[in-house]
PDB file of N, CA and C in Angstrom:
ATOM      1  N   MET A   1     -16.930  28.396 -51.729  1.00  0.00           N
ATOM      2  CA  MET A   1     -16.720  27.652 -50.494  1.00  0.00           C
ATOM      3  C   MET A   1     -18.052  27.057 -50.048  1.00  0.00           C
ATOM      4  N   GLY A   2     -17.942  25.950 -49.392  1.00  0.00           N
ATOM      5  CA  GLY A   2     -19.142  25.297 -48.913  1.00  0.00           C
ATOM      6  C   GLY A   2     -19.532  25.816 -47.537  1.00  0.00           C
ATOM      7  N   ASP A   3     -20.632  25.336 -47.067  1.00  0.00           N
ATOM      8  CA  ASP A   3     -21.132  25.767 -45.755  1.00  0.00           C
ATOM      9  C   ASP A   3     -20.192  25.354 -44.619  1.00  0.00           C
ATOM     10  N   VAL A   4     -19.574  24.200 -44.775  1.00  0.00           N
ATOM     11  CA  VAL A   4     -18.683  23.702 -43.714  1.00  0.00           C
ATOM     12  C   VAL A   4     -17.470  24.608 -43.597  1.00  0.00           C
ATOM     13  N   GLU A   5     -16.902  25.023 -44.720  1.00  0.00           N
ATOM     14  CA  GLU A   5     -15.732  25.886 -44.668  1.00  0.00           C
ATOM     15  C   GLU A   5     -16.067  27.249 -44.064  1.00  0.00           C
ATOM     16  N   GLN A   6     -17.225  27.793 -44.390  1.00  0.00           N
ATOM     17  CA  GLN A   6     -17.626  29.068 -43.793  1.00  0.00           C
ATOM     18  C   GLN A   6     -17.835  28.911 -42.285  1.00  0.00           C
ATOM     19  N   TRP A   7     -18.400  27.803 -41.914  1.00  0.00           N
ATOM     20  CA  TRP A   7     -18.631  27.546 -40.488  1.00  0.00           C
ATOM     21  C   TRP A   7     -17.299  27.416 -39.738  1.00  0.00           C
ATOM     22  N   LEU A   8     -16.330  26.725 -40.336  1.00  0.00           N
ATOM     23  CA  LEU A   8     -15.009  26.577 -39.715  1.00  0.00           C
ATOM     24  C   LEU A   8     -14.286  27.920 -39.627  1.00  0.00           C
ATOM     25  N   GLU A   9     -14.397  28.740 -40.649  1.00  0.00           N
ATOM     26  CA  GLU A   9     -13.790  30.070 -40.607  1.00  0.00           C
ATOM     27  C   GLU A   9     -14.426  30.927 -39.526  1.00  0.00           C
ATOM     28  N   ALA A  10     -15.731  30.832 -39.380  1.00  0.00           N
ATOM     29  CA  ALA A  10     -16.423  31.603 -38.341  1.00  0.00           C
ATOM     30  C   ALA A  10     -15.967  31.142 -36.948  1.00  0.00           C
ATOM     31  N   MET A  11     -15.763  29.853 -36.785  1.00  0.00           N
ATOM     32  CA  MET A  11     -15.278  29.338 -35.488  1.00  0.00           C
ATOM     33  C   MET A  11     -13.853  29.801 -35.219  1.00  0.00           C
ATOM     34  N   ARG A  12     -13.031  29.833 -36.289  1.00  0.00           N
ATOM     35  CA  ARG A  12     -11.649  30.265 -36.132  1.00  0.00           C
ATOM     36  C   ARG A  12     -11.572  31.730 -35.723  1.00  0.00           C
ATOM     37  N   ASP A  13     -12.419  32.549 -36.279  1.00  0.00           N
ATOM     38  CA  ASP A  13     -12.392  33.983 -36.009  1.00  0.00           C
ATOM     39  C   ASP A  13     -13.089  34.361 -34.707  1.00  0.00           C
ATOM     40  N   ALA A  14     -13.906  33.465 -34.161  1.00  0.00           N
ATOM     41  CA  ALA A  14     -14.646  33.765 -32.922  1.00  0.00           C
ATOM     42  C   ALA A  14     -13.681  33.740 -31.734  1.00  0.00           C
ATOM     43  N   PRO A  15     -13.964  34.537 -30.710  1.00  0.00           N
ATOM     44  CA  PRO A  15     -13.096  34.513 -29.526  1.00  0.00           C
ATOM     45  C   PRO A  15     -13.246  33.171 -28.787  1.00  0.00           C
ATOM     46  N   ALA A  16     -12.198  32.805 -28.097  1.00  0.00           N
ATOM     47  CA  ALA A  16     -12.202  31.535 -27.364  1.00  0.00           C
ATOM     48  C   ALA A  16     -13.140  31.621 -26.162  1.00  0.00           C
ATOM     49  N   ASP A  17     -13.690  30.508 -25.820  1.00  0.00           N
ATOM     50  CA  ASP A  17     -14.593  30.424 -24.665  1.00  0.00           C
ATOM     51  C   ASP A  17     -13.772  30.662 -23.386  1.00  0.00           C
ATOM     52  N   PRO A  18     -14.212  31.552 -22.492  1.00  0.00           N
ATOM     53  CA  PRO A  18     -13.418  31.830 -21.281  1.00  0.00           C
ATOM     54  C   PRO A  18     -13.331  30.626 -20.338  1.00  0.00           C
ATOM     55  N   ARG A  19     -14.226  29.654 -20.477  1.00  0.00           N
ATOM     56  CA  ARG A  19     -14.158  28.474 -19.611  1.00  0.00           C
ATOM     57  C   ARG A  19     -12.944  27.604 -19.925  1.00  0.00           C
ATOM     58  N   LEU A  20     -12.382  27.772 -21.122  1.00  0.00           N
ATOM     59  CA  LEU A  20     -11.202  26.994 -21.491  1.00  0.00           C
ATOM     60  C   LEU A  20     -10.000  27.354 -20.617  1.00  0.00           C
ATOM     61  N   ALA A  21      -9.935  28.568 -20.131  1.00  0.00           N
ATOM     62  CA  ALA A  21      -8.817  28.977 -19.270  1.00  0.00           C
ATOM     63  C   ALA A  21      -8.854  28.252 -17.927  1.00  0.00           C
ATOM     64  N   GLU A  22     -10.044  27.903 -17.472  1.00  0.00           N
ATOM     65  CA  GLU A  22     -10.177  27.216 -16.189  1.00  0.00           C
ATOM     66  C   GLU A  22     -10.042  25.704 -16.331  1.00  0.00           C
ATOM     67  N   MET A  23     -10.066  25.213 -17.535  1.00  0.00           N
ATOM     68  CA  MET A  23     -10.072  23.774 -17.758  1.00  0.00           C
ATOM     69  C   MET A  23      -8.751  23.112 -17.366  1.00  0.00           C
ATOM     70  N   GLU A  24      -7.637  23.786 -17.564  1.00  0.00           N
ATOM     71  CA  GLU A  24      -6.340  23.180 -17.273  1.00  0.00           C
ATOM     72  C   GLU A  24      -6.207  22.851 -15.790  1.00  0.00           C
ATOM     73  N   ALA A  25      -6.628  23.746 -14.933  1.00  0.00           N
ATOM     74  CA  ALA A  25      -6.524  23.485 -13.492  1.00  0.00           C
ATOM     75  C   ALA A  25      -7.401  22.299 -13.087  1.00  0.00           C
ATOM     76  N   ALA A  26      -8.586  22.207 -13.665  1.00  0.00           N
ATOM     77  CA  ALA A  26      -9.481  21.092 -13.333  1.00  0.00           C
ATOM     78  C   ALA A  26      -8.905  19.769 -13.821  1.00  0.00           C
ATOM     79  N   VAL A  27      -8.321  19.766 -15.008  1.00  0.00           N
ATOM     80  CA  VAL A  27      -7.728  18.545 -15.542  1.00  0.00           C
ATOM     81  C   VAL A  27      -6.534  18.122 -14.696  1.00  0.00           C
ATOM     82  N   MET A  28      -5.677  19.061 -14.331  1.00  0.00           N
ATOM     83  CA  MET A  28      -4.493  18.724 -13.538  1.00  0.00           C
ATOM     84  C   MET A  28      -4.883  18.245 -12.137  1.00  0.00           C
ATOM     85  N   THR A  29      -5.941  18.801 -11.568  1.00  0.00           N
ATOM     86  CA  THR A  29      -6.429  18.327 -10.269  1.00  0.00           C
ATOM     87  C   THR A  29      -6.922  16.898 -10.385  1.00  0.00           C
ATOM     88  N   GLY A  30      -7.649  16.601 -11.442  1.00  0.00           N
ATOM     89  CA  GLY A  30      -8.124  15.233 -11.665  1.00  0.00           C
ATOM     90  C   GLY A  30      -6.989  14.256 -11.886  1.00  0.00           C
ATOM     91  N   VAL A  31      -5.977  14.673 -12.630  1.00  0.00           N
ATOM     92  CA  VAL A  31      -4.825  13.801 -12.888  1.00  0.00           C
ATOM     93  C   VAL A  31      -4.078  13.514 -11.591  1.00  0.00           C
ATOM     94  N   SER A  32      -3.873  14.523 -10.758  1.00  0.00           N
ATOM     95  CA  SER A  32      -3.151  14.297  -9.506  1.00  0.00           C
ATOM     96  C   SER A  32      -3.960  13.436  -8.545  1.00  0.00           C
ATOM     97  N   ALA A  33      -5.279  13.584  -8.532  1.00  0.00           N
ATOM     98  CA  ALA A  33      -6.111  12.736  -7.673  1.00  0.00           C
ATOM     99  C   ALA A  33      -6.057  11.290  -8.145  1.00  0.00           C
ATOM    100  N   ARG A  34      -6.096  11.102  -9.451  1.00  0.00           N
ATOM    101  CA  ARG A  34      -6.014   9.736 -10.004  1.00  0.00           C
ATOM    102  C   ARG A  34      -4.655   9.112  -9.693  1.00  0.00           C
ATOM    103  N   ARG A  35      -3.597   9.896  -9.817  1.00  0.00           N
ATOM    104  CA  ARG A  35      -2.252   9.392  -9.531  1.00  0.00           C
ATOM    105  C   ARG A  35      -2.122   9.019  -8.057  1.00  0.00           C
ATOM    106  N   ALA A  36      -2.693   9.816  -7.171  1.00  0.00           N
ATOM    107  CA  ALA A  36      -2.644   9.499  -5.744  1.00  0.00           C
ATOM    108  C   ALA A  36      -3.413   8.214  -5.441  1.00  0.00           C
ATOM    109  N   ALA A  37      -4.536   8.018  -6.099  1.00  0.00           N
ATOM    110  CA  ALA A  37      -5.319   6.793  -5.882  1.00  0.00           C
ATOM    111  C   ALA A  37      -4.556   5.570  -6.383  1.00  0.00           C
ATOM    112  N   VAL A  38      -3.898   5.691  -7.518  1.00  0.00           N
ATOM    113  CA  VAL A  38      -3.119   4.571  -8.055  1.00  0.00           C
ATOM    114  C   VAL A  38      -1.951   4.255  -7.135  1.00  0.00           C
ATOM    115  N   ASN A  39      -1.281   5.285  -6.623  1.00  0.00           N
ATOM    116  CA  ASN A  39      -0.152   5.052  -5.710  1.00  0.00           C
ATOM    117  C   ASN A  39      -0.611   4.401  -4.416  1.00  0.00           C
ATOM    118  N   ALA A  40      -1.757   4.808  -3.901  1.00  0.00           N
ATOM    119  CA  ALA A  40      -2.270   4.204  -2.675  1.00  0.00           C
ATOM    120  C   ALA A  40      -2.619   2.736  -2.906  1.00  0.00           C
ATOM    121  N   ARG A  41      -3.259   2.446  -4.032  1.00  0.00           N
ATOM    122  CA  ARG A  41      -3.613   1.054  -4.349  1.00  0.00           C
ATOM    123  C   ARG A  41      -2.349   0.216  -4.531  1.00  0.00           C
ATOM    124  N   ARG A  42      -1.348   0.765  -5.191  1.00  0.00           N
ATOM    125  CA  ARG A  42      -0.098   0.035  -5.410  1.00  0.00           C
ATOM    126  C   ARG A  42       0.611  -0.233  -4.083  1.00  0.00           C
ATOM    127  N   SER A  43       0.586   0.733  -3.179  1.00  0.00           N
ATOM    128  CA  SER A  43       1.215   0.540  -1.869  1.00  0.00           C
ATOM    129  C   SER A  43       0.500  -0.543  -1.068  1.00  0.00           C
ATOM    130  N   MET A  44      -0.825  -0.554  -1.134  1.00  0.00           N
ATOM    131  CA  MET A  44      -1.579  -1.585  -0.415  1.00  0.00           C
ATOM    132  C   MET A  44      -1.303  -2.972  -0.998  1.00  0.00           C
ATOM    133  N   MET A  45      -1.199  -3.068  -2.315  1.00  0.00           N
ATOM    134  CA  MET A  45      -0.897  -4.356  -2.931  1.00  0.00           C
ATOM    135  C   MET A  45       0.502  -4.823  -2.561  1.00  0.00           C
ATOM    136  N   LEU A  46       1.450  -3.914  -2.490  1.00  0.00           N
ATOM    137  CA  LEU A  46       2.804  -4.272  -2.090  1.00  0.00           C
ATOM    138  C   LEU A  46       2.839  -4.741  -0.642  1.00  0.00           C
ATOM    139  N   ALA A  47       2.134  -4.050   0.249  1.00  0.00           N
ATOM    140  CA  ALA A  47       2.086  -4.462   1.652  1.00  0.00           C
ATOM    141  C   ALA A  47       1.434  -5.826   1.808  1.00  0.00           C
ATOM    142  N   ALA A  48       0.374  -6.086   1.040  1.00  0.00           N
ATOM    143  CA  ALA A  48      -0.290  -7.389   1.098  1.00  0.00           C
ATOM    144  C   ALA A  48       0.626  -8.491   0.585  1.00  0.00           C
ATOM    145  N   ALA A  49       1.369  -8.221  -0.474  1.00  0.00           N
ATOM    146  CA  ALA A  49       2.285  -9.223  -1.021  1.00  0.00           C
ATOM    147  C   ALA A  49       3.412  -9.525  -0.042  1.00  0.00           C
ATOM    148  N   VAL A  50       3.939  -8.505   0.599  1.00  0.00           N
ATOM    149  CA  VAL A  50       5.003  -8.719   1.590  1.00  0.00           C
ATOM    150  C   VAL A  50       4.461  -9.507   2.780  1.00  0.00           C
ATOM    151  N   ALA A  51       3.273  -9.164   3.261  1.00  0.00           N
ATOM    152  CA  ALA A  51       2.686  -9.892   4.389  1.00  0.00           C
ATOM    153  C   ALA A  51       2.424 -11.349   4.018  1.00  0.00           C
ATOM    154  N   LEU A  52       1.942 -11.581   2.809  1.00  0.00           N
ATOM    155  CA  LEU A  52       1.708 -12.952   2.367  1.00  0.00           C
ATOM    156  C   LEU A  52       3.017 -13.717   2.268  1.00  0.00           C
ATOM    157  N   GLY A  53       4.030 -13.091   1.726  1.00  0.00           N
ATOM    158  CA  GLY A  53       5.341 -13.743   1.614  1.00  0.00           C
ATOM    159  C   GLY A  53       5.937 -14.075   2.971  1.00  0.00           C
ATOM    160  N   VAL A  54       5.839 -13.141   3.905  1.00  0.00           N
ATOM    161  CA  VAL A  54       6.367 -13.394   5.251  1.00  0.00           C
ATOM    162  C   VAL A  54       5.580 -14.514   5.913  1.00  0.00           C
ATOM    163  N   GLY A  55       4.274 -14.545   5.719  1.00  0.00           N
ATOM    164  CA  GLY A  55       3.454 -15.602   6.303  1.00  0.00           C
ATOM    165  C   GLY A  55       3.783 -16.967   5.736  1.00  0.00           C
ATOM    166  N   VAL A  56       3.963 -17.040   4.412  1.00  0.00           N
ATOM    167  CA  VAL A  56       4.294 -18.318   3.784  1.00  0.00           C
ATOM    168  C   VAL A  56       5.668 -18.789   4.224  1.00  0.00           C
ATOM    169  N   VAL A  57       6.635 -17.904   4.217  1.00  0.00           N
ATOM    170  CA  VAL A  57       7.987 -18.285   4.634  1.00  0.00           C
ATOM    171  C   VAL A  57       8.003 -18.663   6.110  1.00  0.00           C
ATOM    172  N   GLY A  58       7.264 -17.927   6.926  1.00  0.00           N
ATOM    173  CA  GLY A  58       7.237 -18.216   8.355  1.00  0.00           C
ATOM    174  C   GLY A  58       6.608 -19.558   8.683  1.00  0.00           C
ATOM    175  N   THR A  59       5.676 -20.016   7.869  1.00  0.00           N
ATOM    176  CA  THR A  59       5.046 -21.308   8.150  1.00  0.00           C
ATOM    177  C   THR A  59       5.784 -22.470   7.517  1.00  0.00           C
ATOM    178  N   THR A  60       6.550 -22.241   6.477  1.00  0.00           N
ATOM    179  CA  THR A  60       7.240 -23.348   5.813  1.00  0.00           C
ATOM    180  C   THR A  60       8.640 -23.587   6.358  1.00  0.00           C
ATOM    181  N   VAL A  61       9.298 -22.577   6.840  1.00  0.00           N
ATOM    182  CA  VAL A  61      10.653 -22.746   7.373  1.00  0.00           C
ATOM    183  C   VAL A  61      10.532 -23.312   8.788  1.00  0.00           C
ATOM    184  N   PRO A  62      11.176 -24.464   9.020  1.00  0.00           N
ATOM    185  CA  PRO A  62      11.063 -25.036  10.365  1.00  0.00           C
ATOM    186  C   PRO A  62      11.827 -24.184  11.387  1.00  0.00           C
ATOM    187  N   GLY A  63      11.209 -24.001  12.499  1.00  0.00           N
ATOM    188  CA  GLY A  63      11.831 -23.236  13.566  1.00  0.00           C
ATOM    189  C   GLY A  63      12.492 -24.174  14.568  1.00  0.00           C
ATOM    190  N   THR A  64      13.092 -23.614  15.561  1.00  0.00           N
ATOM    191  CA  THR A  64      13.692 -24.440  16.604  1.00  0.00           C
ATOM    192  C   THR A  64      12.582 -24.904  17.534  1.00  0.00           C
ATOM    193  N   PRO A  65      12.689 -26.109  18.048  1.00  0.00           N
ATOM    194  CA  PRO A  65      11.639 -26.586  18.955  1.00  0.00           C
ATOM    195  C   PRO A  65      11.629 -25.771  20.246  1.00  0.00           C
ATOM    196  N   ALA A  66      10.458 -25.660  20.820  1.00  0.00           N
ATOM    197  CA  ALA A  66      10.322 -24.897  22.055  1.00  0.00           C
ATOM    198  C   ALA A  66      10.958 -25.667  23.196  1.00  0.00           C
ATOM    199  N   ALA A  67      11.597 -24.942  24.070  1.00  0.00           N
ATOM    200  CA  ALA A  67      12.234 -25.565  25.232  1.00  0.00           C
ATOM    201  C   ALA A  67      11.970 -24.683  26.436  1.00  0.00           C
ATOM    202  N   ALA A  68      11.768 -25.316  27.561  1.00  0.00           N
ATOM    203  CA  ALA A  68      11.540 -24.562  28.793  1.00  0.00           C
ATOM    204  C   ALA A  68      12.847 -23.944  29.258  1.00  0.00           C
ATOM    205  N   ALA A  69      12.731 -22.833  29.924  1.00  0.00           N
ATOM    206  CA  ALA A  69      13.916 -22.171  30.453  1.00  0.00           C
ATOM    207  C   ALA A  69      14.479 -22.977  31.608  1.00  0.00           C
ATOM    208  N   SER A  70      15.782 -22.917  31.775  1.00  0.00           N
ATOM    209  CA  SER A  70      16.390 -23.665  32.876  1.00  0.00           C
ATOM    210  C   SER A  70      16.004 -23.015  34.202  1.00  0.00           C
ATOM    211  N   PRO A  71      15.940 -23.809  35.271  1.00  0.00           N
ATOM    212  CA  PRO A  71      15.550 -23.257  36.572  1.00  0.00           C
ATOM    213  C   PRO A  71      16.505 -22.180  37.068  1.00  0.00           C
ATOM    214  N   ALA A  72      17.760 -22.241  36.664  1.00  0.00           N
ATOM    215  CA  ALA A  72      18.723 -21.241  37.119  1.00  0.00           C
ATOM    216  C   ALA A  72      18.367 -19.871  36.558  1.00  0.00           C
ATOM    217  N   VAL A  73      17.829 -19.844  35.360  1.00  0.00           N
ATOM    218  CA  VAL A  73      17.444 -18.575  34.745  1.00  0.00           C
ATOM    219  C   VAL A  73      16.282 -17.967  35.508  1.00  0.00           C
ATOM    220  N   LEU A  74      15.386 -18.804  36.005  1.00  0.00           N
ATOM    221  CA  LEU A  74      14.219 -18.320  36.737  1.00  0.00           C
ATOM    222  C   LEU A  74      14.527 -17.961  38.183  1.00  0.00           C
ATOM    223  N   GLY A  75      15.744 -18.236  38.627  1.00  0.00           N
ATOM    224  CA  GLY A  75      16.125 -17.925  40.004  1.00  0.00           C
ATOM    225  C   GLY A  75      15.768 -19.033  40.990  1.00  0.00           C
ATOM    226  N   MET A  76      15.475 -20.231  40.506  1.00  0.00           N
ATOM    227  CA  MET A  76      15.158 -21.346  41.385  1.00  0.00           C
ATOM    228  C   MET A  76      16.394 -22.217  41.555  1.00  0.00           C
ATOM    229  N   SER A  77      16.612 -22.689  42.725  1.00  0.00           N
ATOM    230  CA  SER A  77      17.734 -23.593  42.938  1.00  0.00           C
ATOM    231  C   SER A  77      17.280 -25.029  42.676  1.00  0.00           C
ATOM    232  N   ASP A  78      18.220 -25.932  42.611  1.00  0.00           N
ATOM    233  CA  ASP A  78      17.886 -27.337  42.405  1.00  0.00           C
ATOM    234  C   ASP A  78      17.204 -27.943  43.616  1.00  0.00           C
ATOM    235  N   TYR A  79      17.231 -27.271  44.750  1.00  0.00           N
ATOM    236  CA  TYR A  79      16.648 -27.814  45.983  1.00  0.00           C
ATOM    237  C   TYR A  79      15.270 -27.213  46.295  1.00  0.00           C
ATOM    238  N   ALA A  80      14.679 -26.502  45.355  1.00  0.00           N
ATOM    239  CA  ALA A  80      13.341 -25.943  45.584  1.00  0.00           C
ATOM    240  C   ALA A  80      12.344 -27.092  45.673  1.00  0.00           C
ATOM    241  N   PRO A  81      11.260 -26.949  46.487  1.00  0.00           N
ATOM    242  CA  PRO A  81      10.325 -28.044  46.658  1.00  0.00           C
ATOM    243  C   PRO A  81       9.727 -28.568  45.343  1.00  0.00           C
ATOM    244  N   SER A  82       9.453 -27.690  44.412  1.00  0.00           N
ATOM    245  CA  SER A  82       8.891 -28.161  43.148  1.00  0.00           C
ATOM    246  C   SER A  82       9.910 -28.971  42.371  1.00  0.00           C
ATOM    247  N   ARG A  83      11.186 -28.646  42.492  1.00  0.00           N
ATOM    248  CA  ARG A  83      12.219 -29.399  41.800  1.00  0.00           C
ATOM    249  C   ARG A  83      12.408 -30.760  42.454  1.00  0.00           C
ATOM    250  N   LEU A  84      12.253 -30.828  43.764  1.00  0.00           N
ATOM    251  CA  LEU A  84      12.426 -32.113  44.461  1.00  0.00           C
ATOM    252  C   LEU A  84      11.297 -33.058  44.143  1.00  0.00           C
ATOM    253  N   LEU A  85      10.086 -32.512  43.901  1.00  0.00           N
ATOM    254  CA  LEU A  85       8.952 -33.377  43.584  1.00  0.00           C
ATOM    255  C   LEU A  85       9.042 -33.931  42.173  1.00  0.00           C
ATOM    256  N   ASP A  86       9.754 -33.288  41.302  1.00  0.00           N
ATOM    257  CA  ASP A  86       9.877 -33.746  39.922  1.00  0.00           C
ATOM    258  C   ASP A  86      10.720 -35.020  39.859  1.00  0.00           C
ATOM    259  N   ARG A  87      11.579 -35.232  40.805  1.00  0.00           N
ATOM    260  CA  ARG A  87      12.494 -36.395  40.743  1.00  0.00           C
ATOM    261  C   ARG A  87      11.875 -37.644  41.202  1.00  0.00           C
TER     262      ARG A  87
END
């Protein structure tokens, strides 16, 4: 056998490093943090796209022209001094 095979056999027979037992929790914590960051970024992009779409549609769709409220709605009669001056 060559030196490499003896070295591989020695590694196989050696006990596992105890730090490997703690590695899974660290990896899973990193994966969940990365997933949360991706979800937050995706949510922000979706909100920006919806806001942009609403803004574009709101500016391109013609609305009804503005009109003043009738004096009856405001509680003014047709004989109020301001109404008489308008005529």
